Amino acid sequence: MSDVDIATFATEGNRDLHILYGSQSGNSEGLAEKWQKEGKKYGLNPTVHDMDGFDINSMSGMSRVMIVCSTWGEGEMPDNAEELYEAAVGVGKILTNTHFSICALGDTGYDLFCESGKDWDKTMENMGGTRIHDRVDCDVDFEDPAEQWMNGAMSKLACVDGDGKFQADLVDSMASYASGAVIESETETIVEESAGTSAYQAMETASLFFHKPNKWLKRVKEAVDDDELPTTGIEKAKDMFKELRKITLKSLPQGKDYIALVDNEKCIGCTQCVYYCNFASIDMISWDLKARTSQFESKKALILDDTCVGCTLCAFACPVEAITMESKV
């Protein structure tokens, strides 16, 4: 198919792409949503699926599948992926024309690094799927390797034709086609006063919650004057995190007589405290503080006092000093 016009190939026939995410803290979900927009540059029609509630049998009718999944605890699936993975293990060879690739998120500080992603990679192959691009195993600094993987995987998946056949000779042309495509960004700026601080209101919410703190702070500095930016302890938090992430919940005295408290007036819903909490002690709830949600955008942090160990990591990680440590007694 070397004489095929790549623009025609990229816009005709079945161009569906299915992106599944298994996420515990929001990183996988954020990447999936970002890749959904990137897929349009390749002439694809991407759909993002939360693994929670996804019908594994429906995958048999999909020719292009990307999976991004984090590993939770000691090699465990994130909560929203457990049931689907159990179903996938026992479903048998239902994939006859499905091309897939896996992006695994993990932490080399744990023995079973990226285990969930590795499990999905093996299981998709056992189900009969065809690995079109090698899996990538990402450490905590996942942005760059995940983007490189996405570029490679997306270029190949976009070369699966309407009949489900991979046209390998079109990959280079497809990559060039995508790099020259102009896609309108779909961003939204928060303008309501109740939505947080002026710094948060000035930022594009579409790319907020899956950036690491140092990159997030850089974006804030572009939105406000330096003298308006609160002093932070991000670097100290990063150093503490490297040590504390290896410590289990049982090894620390519960509470240490202190507990973290969130000032809802200051909290901007950036989720950095969630990322740095080593004990899953922080949840995100809606601005009206009534309903918990898996969508971190425009939400407030909530400390779960039954698991908070008083380690102070969240207080150091908060970029707007919305978290303080208070005595329990």
Protein backbone atom coordinates (compact mmCIF):
# COMPACT_ATOMS: atom_id res chain seq x y z
CA MET A 1 0.00 0.00 0.00
CA SER A 2 2.96 2.31 -0.54
CA ASP A 3 1.01 4.38 -3.11
CA VAL A 4 -1.93 5.01 -0.78
CA ASP A 5 -2.68 8.65 0.00
CA ILE A 6 -2.13 8.89 3.75
CA ALA A 7 -4.72 11.63 4.22
CA THR A 8 -7.35 9.48 2.55
CA PHE A 9 -6.31 6.42 4.54
CA ALA A 10 -6.53 8.40 7.81
CA THR A 11 -10.05 9.60 7.16
CA GLU A 12 -11.88 6.71 5.54
CA GLY A 13 -13.40 3.53 6.98
CA ASN A 14 -13.46 2.47 10.61
CA ARG A 15 -11.11 4.78 12.54
CA ASP A 16 -12.20 3.91 16.08
CA LEU A 17 -9.58 3.81 18.85
CA HIS A 18 -10.42 2.59 22.34
CA ILE A 19 -8.34 3.80 25.29
CA LEU A 20 -8.86 1.99 28.61
CA TYR A 21 -7.45 3.30 31.87
CA GLY A 22 -6.89 1.70 35.26
CA SER A 23 -6.22 4.51 37.71
CA GLN A 24 -5.94 4.91 41.48
CA SER A 25 -4.75 8.51 41.81
CA GLY A 26 -5.69 10.03 38.46
CA ASN A 27 -2.45 9.81 36.47
CA SER A 28 -3.63 7.08 34.07
CA GLU A 29 -6.96 8.80 33.59
CA GLY A 30 -5.23 12.08 32.80
CA LEU A 31 -2.99 10.44 30.21
CA ALA A 32 -5.95 8.67 28.60
CA GLU A 33 -7.82 11.95 28.21
CA LYS A 34 -4.75 13.64 26.76
CA TRP A 35 -4.26 10.82 24.24
CA GLN A 36 -7.91 11.05 23.25
CA LYS A 37 -7.19 14.51 21.87
CA GLU A 38 -3.89 13.42 20.30
CA GLY A 39 -5.64 10.60 18.45
CA LYS A 40 -7.53 13.07 16.30
CA LYS A 41 -4.25 14.14 14.69
CA TYR A 42 -3.96 10.60 13.31
CA GLY A 43 -7.46 10.64 11.86
CA LEU A 44 -8.69 8.38 14.67
CA ASN A 45 -11.96 8.54 16.58
CA PRO A 46 -10.79 7.88 20.16
CA THR A 47 -13.05 6.85 23.01
CA VAL A 48 -11.81 6.73 26.62
CA HIS A 49 -13.15 3.94 28.83
CA ASP A 50 -12.99 3.69 32.60
CA MET A 51 -12.17 0.03 33.32
CA ASP A 52 -14.82 0.08 36.02
CA GLY A 53 -17.99 -1.20 34.36
CA PHE A 54 -16.35 -1.96 31.01
CA ASP A 55 -17.68 -5.12 29.29
CA ILE A 56 -14.69 -7.30 28.42
CA ASN A 57 -16.66 -9.09 25.71
CA SER A 58 -17.16 -5.82 23.83
CA MET A 59 -13.42 -5.76 23.15
CA SER A 60 -13.84 -8.56 20.60
CA GLY A 61 -15.27 -6.01 18.18
CA MET A 62 -12.42 -3.52 18.62
CA SER A 63 -9.47 -3.45 16.22
CA ARG A 64 -7.43 -0.76 18.05
CA VAL A 65 -6.92 -0.75 21.83
CA MET A 66 -4.57 1.24 24.06
CA ILE A 67 -4.37 0.45 27.79
CA VAL A 68 -2.76 2.64 30.44
CA CYS A 69 -2.75 1.14 33.93
CA SER A 70 -1.04 1.98 37.19
CA THR A 71 0.10 -0.47 39.86
CA TRP A 72 -1.25 -0.03 43.37
CA GLY A 73 0.46 -1.23 46.55
CA GLU A 74 2.44 -4.44 46.13
CA GLY A 75 1.68 -5.31 42.52
CA GLU A 76 -2.10 -4.87 42.77
CA MET A 77 -4.56 -3.59 40.19
CA PRO A 78 -6.08 -0.17 40.92
CA ASP A 79 -9.60 -0.37 42.35
CA ASN A 80 -11.35 0.47 39.08
CA ALA A 81 -9.48 -2.30 37.19
CA GLU A 82 -9.82 -5.30 39.52
CA GLU A 83 -13.14 -6.70 38.28
CA LEU A 84 -12.33 -6.19 34.61
CA TYR A 85 -8.97 -7.90 34.94
CA GLU A 86 -10.53 -10.90 36.69
CA ALA A 87 -13.05 -11.14 33.85
CA ALA A 88 -10.30 -10.84 31.24
CA VAL A 89 -8.26 -13.65 32.76
CA GLY A 90 -11.16 -16.07 32.50
CA VAL A 91 -12.80 -14.96 29.25
CA GLY A 92 -10.67 -17.06 26.88
CA LYS A 93 -9.49 -16.24 23.34
CA ILE A 94 -12.16 -13.78 22.26
CA LEU A 95 -9.85 -11.42 20.32
CA THR A 96 -9.32 -12.36 16.70
CA ASN A 97 -8.60 -8.99 15.12
CA THR A 98 -7.55 -6.69 17.97
CA HIS A 99 -4.26 -4.77 17.93
CA PHE A 100 -3.14 -3.44 21.30
CA SER A 101 -0.35 -1.78 23.24
CA ILE A 102 0.16 -1.20 26.97
CA CYS A 103 1.51 1.75 28.97
CA ALA A 104 2.30 0.69 32.55
CA LEU A 105 2.75 3.22 35.36
CA GLY A 106 4.62 2.23 38.51
CA ASP A 107 7.32 3.01 41.03
CA THR A 108 10.73 1.35 41.11
CA GLY A 109 10.67 1.80 44.88
CA TYR A 110 8.46 -1.30 44.99
CA ASP A 111 9.51 -4.85 44.15
CA LEU A 112 6.64 -5.54 41.73
CA PHE A 113 7.35 -2.59 39.44
CA CYS A 114 4.54 -1.93 36.91
CA GLU A 115 3.09 -5.37 37.66
CA SER A 116 -0.48 -4.44 36.69
CA GLY A 117 0.60 -3.24 33.25
CA LYS A 118 2.68 -6.37 32.76
CA ASP A 119 -0.33 -8.50 33.73
CA TRP A 120 -2.53 -6.72 31.19
CA ASP A 121 0.10 -7.16 28.49
CA LYS A 122 0.22 -10.91 29.04
CA THR A 123 -3.54 -11.27 29.41
CA MET A 124 -4.33 -9.35 26.23
CA GLU A 125 -2.02 -11.69 24.34
CA ASN A 126 -3.65 -14.71 26.00
CA MET A 127 -7.04 -13.37 24.88
CA GLY A 128 -5.82 -13.53 21.28
CA GLY A 129 -4.83 -9.91 20.80
CA THR A 130 -1.88 -8.80 18.65
CA ARG A 131 0.76 -6.61 20.32
CA ILE A 132 1.35 -3.86 17.77
CA HIS A 133 3.86 -1.88 19.88
CA ASP A 134 5.99 -2.96 22.84
CA ARG A 135 4.84 -2.12 26.37
CA VAL A 136 6.52 0.73 28.21
CA ASP A 137 7.13 0.57 31.98
CA CYS A 138 7.16 4.09 33.45
CA ASP A 139 8.59 5.16 36.81
CA VAL A 140 7.16 8.04 38.88
CA ASP A 141 8.52 10.55 36.33
CA PHE A 142 6.29 9.10 33.66
CA GLU A 143 5.48 12.03 31.36
CA ASP A 144 8.35 11.74 28.85
CA PRO A 145 8.46 7.94 28.42
CA ALA A 146 4.66 7.82 28.27
CA GLU A 147 4.61 10.45 25.53
CA GLN A 148 7.28 8.61 23.53
CA TRP A 149 5.28 5.40 23.85
CA MET A 150 2.10 7.16 22.79
CA ASN A 151 3.75 8.53 19.65
CA GLY A 152 4.96 5.07 18.66
CA ALA A 153 1.81 3.17 19.56
CA MET A 154 -0.56 5.72 18.04
CA SER A 155 1.36 5.85 14.75
CA LYS A 156 1.04 2.08 14.38
CA LEU A 157 -2.56 1.77 15.57
CA ALA A 158 -3.52 4.50 13.09
CA CYS A 159 -2.13 2.25 10.34
CA VAL A 160 -4.64 -0.49 11.06
CA ASP A 161 -7.05 -0.27 8.12
CA GLY A 162 -10.82 -0.52 8.10
CA ASP A 163 -10.63 -4.30 7.83
CA GLY A 164 -8.42 -4.56 10.90
CA LYS A 165 -5.16 -5.25 9.04
CA PHE A 166 -1.94 -3.51 10.05
CA GLN A 167 -0.28 -1.68 7.15
CA ALA A 168 3.29 -1.47 8.47
CA ASP A 169 4.64 0.37 5.41
CA LEU A 170 2.47 3.41 6.23
CA VAL A 171 3.84 4.07 9.74
CA ASP A 172 6.41 6.71 8.79
CA SER A 173 3.92 8.51 6.57
CA MET A 174 1.32 8.40 9.32
CA ALA A 175 3.73 9.92 11.85
CA SER A 176 4.49 12.74 9.42
CA TYR A 177 0.79 13.24 8.72
CA ALA A 178 0.03 13.52 12.44
CA SER A 179 2.86 15.97 13.10
CA GLY A 180 1.48 18.31 10.45
CA ALA A 181 -2.15 18.08 11.53
CA VAL A 182 -3.65 21.09 13.27
CA ILE A 183 -6.15 20.17 15.96
CA GLU A 184 -8.09 22.79 17.85
CA SER A 185 -7.43 22.51 21.55
CA GLU A 186 -10.38 21.84 23.80
CA THR A 187 -9.59 23.80 26.92
CA GLU A 188 -11.73 25.45 29.50
CA THR A 189 -10.88 28.31 31.80
CA ILE A 190 -12.59 28.54 35.16
CA VAL A 191 -14.02 32.02 35.78
CA GLU A 192 -16.29 31.62 38.77
CA GLU A 193 -14.96 33.12 42.00
CA SER A 194 -16.01 30.00 43.89
CA ALA A 195 -13.79 27.81 41.71
CA GLY A 196 -10.59 28.60 43.60
CA THR A 197 -7.76 31.11 43.62
CA SER A 198 -6.96 33.53 40.80
CA ALA A 199 -3.96 31.35 39.90
CA TYR A 200 -6.19 28.33 39.35
CA GLN A 201 -8.80 30.34 37.44
CA ALA A 202 -6.13 31.51 34.99
CA MET A 203 -4.99 27.99 34.14
CA GLU A 204 -6.31 25.62 31.50
CA THR A 205 -7.95 22.78 33.38
CA ALA A 206 -7.47 20.24 30.58
CA SER A 207 -3.82 19.66 31.44
CA LEU A 208 -3.71 20.46 35.14
CA PHE A 209 -4.02 17.32 37.15
CA PHE A 210 -1.55 14.89 35.58
CA HIS A 211 1.50 17.15 35.79
CA LYS A 212 4.10 16.69 38.51
CA PRO A 213 4.42 19.54 41.05
CA ASN A 214 7.48 21.17 39.50
CA LYS A 215 5.78 21.44 36.11
CA TRP A 216 2.51 22.51 37.71
CA LEU A 217 4.25 25.31 39.60
CA LYS A 218 5.91 26.48 36.40
CA ARG A 219 2.48 26.85 34.83
CA VAL A 220 1.24 28.79 37.85
CA LYS A 221 4.19 31.18 37.64
CA GLU A 222 3.17 31.95 34.08
CA ALA A 223 -0.30 32.88 35.27
CA VAL A 224 0.48 35.07 38.28
CA ASP A 225 3.24 37.38 39.45
CA ASP A 226 6.01 35.77 41.48
CA ASP A 227 5.14 37.83 44.54
CA GLU A 228 1.63 36.33 44.51
CA LEU A 229 2.91 32.75 44.48
CA PRO A 230 2.94 31.21 47.99
CA THR A 231 6.10 29.66 49.40
CA THR A 232 6.09 25.89 48.95
CA GLY A 233 7.94 22.88 50.23
CA ILE A 234 7.73 20.82 47.03
CA GLU A 235 11.40 19.85 46.91
CA LYS A 236 11.34 18.81 50.56
CA ALA A 237 8.21 16.82 49.90
CA LYS A 238 9.88 15.01 47.01
CA ASP A 239 12.82 14.03 49.21
CA MET A 240 10.52 12.85 51.99
CA PHE A 241 8.42 10.89 49.52
CA LYS A 242 11.39 8.90 48.31
CA GLU A 243 11.97 7.68 51.87
CA LEU A 244 8.38 7.28 53.03
CA ARG A 245 7.06 5.45 49.98
CA LYS A 246 8.98 2.38 51.14
CA ILE A 247 7.40 2.45 54.59
CA THR A 248 4.18 0.53 55.10
CA LEU A 249 1.22 1.91 56.99
CA LYS A 250 1.71 -0.53 59.87
CA SER A 251 5.29 0.55 60.48
CA LEU A 252 4.28 4.06 61.60
CA PRO A 253 2.43 4.85 64.84
CA GLN A 254 -1.13 5.76 63.84
CA GLY A 255 -1.60 9.51 63.78
CA LYS A 256 1.46 10.50 65.81
CA ASP A 257 -1.05 12.65 67.73
CA TYR A 258 -1.37 14.90 64.66
CA ILE A 259 -3.68 14.91 61.65
CA ALA A 260 -3.72 16.93 58.43
CA LEU A 261 -6.51 19.46 57.93
CA VAL A 262 -7.48 21.18 54.66
CA ASP A 263 -8.52 24.83 54.40
CA ASN A 264 -11.27 24.61 51.76
CA GLU A 265 -10.97 28.31 50.98
CA LYS A 266 -7.34 27.88 49.93
CA CYS A 267 -7.55 24.43 48.30
CA ILE A 268 -7.48 24.67 44.49
CA GLY A 269 -8.07 20.99 43.74
CA CYS A 270 -4.71 20.37 42.09
CA THR A 271 -4.37 16.82 43.61
CA GLN A 272 -0.68 17.20 44.48
CA CYS A 273 -1.43 16.09 48.05
CA VAL A 274 -3.12 12.97 46.68
CA TYR A 275 -0.06 12.17 44.59
CA TYR A 276 2.36 12.55 47.50
CA CYS A 277 0.28 10.76 50.15
CA ASN A 278 1.94 7.40 50.72
CA PHE A 279 -1.01 5.93 52.60
CA ALA A 280 -4.07 6.66 50.41
CA SER A 281 -5.37 8.98 53.10
CA ILE A 282 -6.64 11.77 50.84
CA ASP A 283 -9.77 11.73 48.71
CA MET A 284 -11.12 14.35 46.31
CA ILE A 285 -14.70 15.59 46.67
CA SER A 286 -16.80 18.13 44.80
CA TRP A 287 -16.64 21.82 45.59
CA ASP A 288 -19.88 21.64 47.57
CA LEU A 289 -18.27 18.95 49.80
CA LYS A 290 -21.22 16.59 49.37
CA ALA A 291 -20.23 13.93 46.84
CA ARG A 292 -16.97 12.07 46.29
CA THR A 293 -15.80 11.80 42.73
CA SER A 294 -13.10 10.16 40.61
CA GLN A 295 -12.74 13.34 38.54
CA PHE A 296 -10.04 15.48 40.20
CA GLU A 297 -10.65 18.59 38.14
CA SER A 298 -12.27 21.40 40.18
CA LYS A 299 -12.43 19.43 43.43
CA LYS A 300 -11.33 19.80 47.05
CA ALA A 301 -9.04 17.57 49.09
CA LEU A 302 -10.48 15.58 51.99
CA ILE A 303 -8.27 13.96 54.63
CA LEU A 304 -9.38 10.48 55.69
CA ASP A 305 -8.70 10.63 59.40
CA ASP A 306 -8.90 6.86 59.89
CA THR A 307 -5.74 6.29 57.81
CA CYS A 308 -3.84 9.58 58.15
CA VAL A 309 -0.55 8.91 59.97
CA GLY A 310 0.47 12.52 60.48
CA CYS A 311 3.58 12.27 58.31
CA THR A 312 3.25 15.91 57.04
CA LEU A 313 3.97 15.00 53.40
CA CYS A 314 0.74 16.54 52.12
CA ALA A 315 1.39 19.79 53.98
CA PHE A 316 4.80 20.15 52.31
CA ALA A 317 3.42 19.17 48.91
CA CYS A 318 0.52 21.65 48.90
CA PRO A 319 1.49 24.52 46.56
CA VAL A 320 -0.93 27.02 48.17
CA GLU A 321 -0.37 26.16 51.86
CA ALA A 322 -3.93 24.91 52.25
CA ILE A 323 -2.95 21.99 54.53
CA THR A 324 -1.86 22.29 58.14
CA MET A 325 -1.03 19.72 60.80
CA GLU A 326 -3.25 19.92 63.89
CA SER A 327 -3.02 18.11 67.21
CA LYS A 328 -5.56 15.35 67.82
CA VAL A 329 -5.56 15.99 71.56
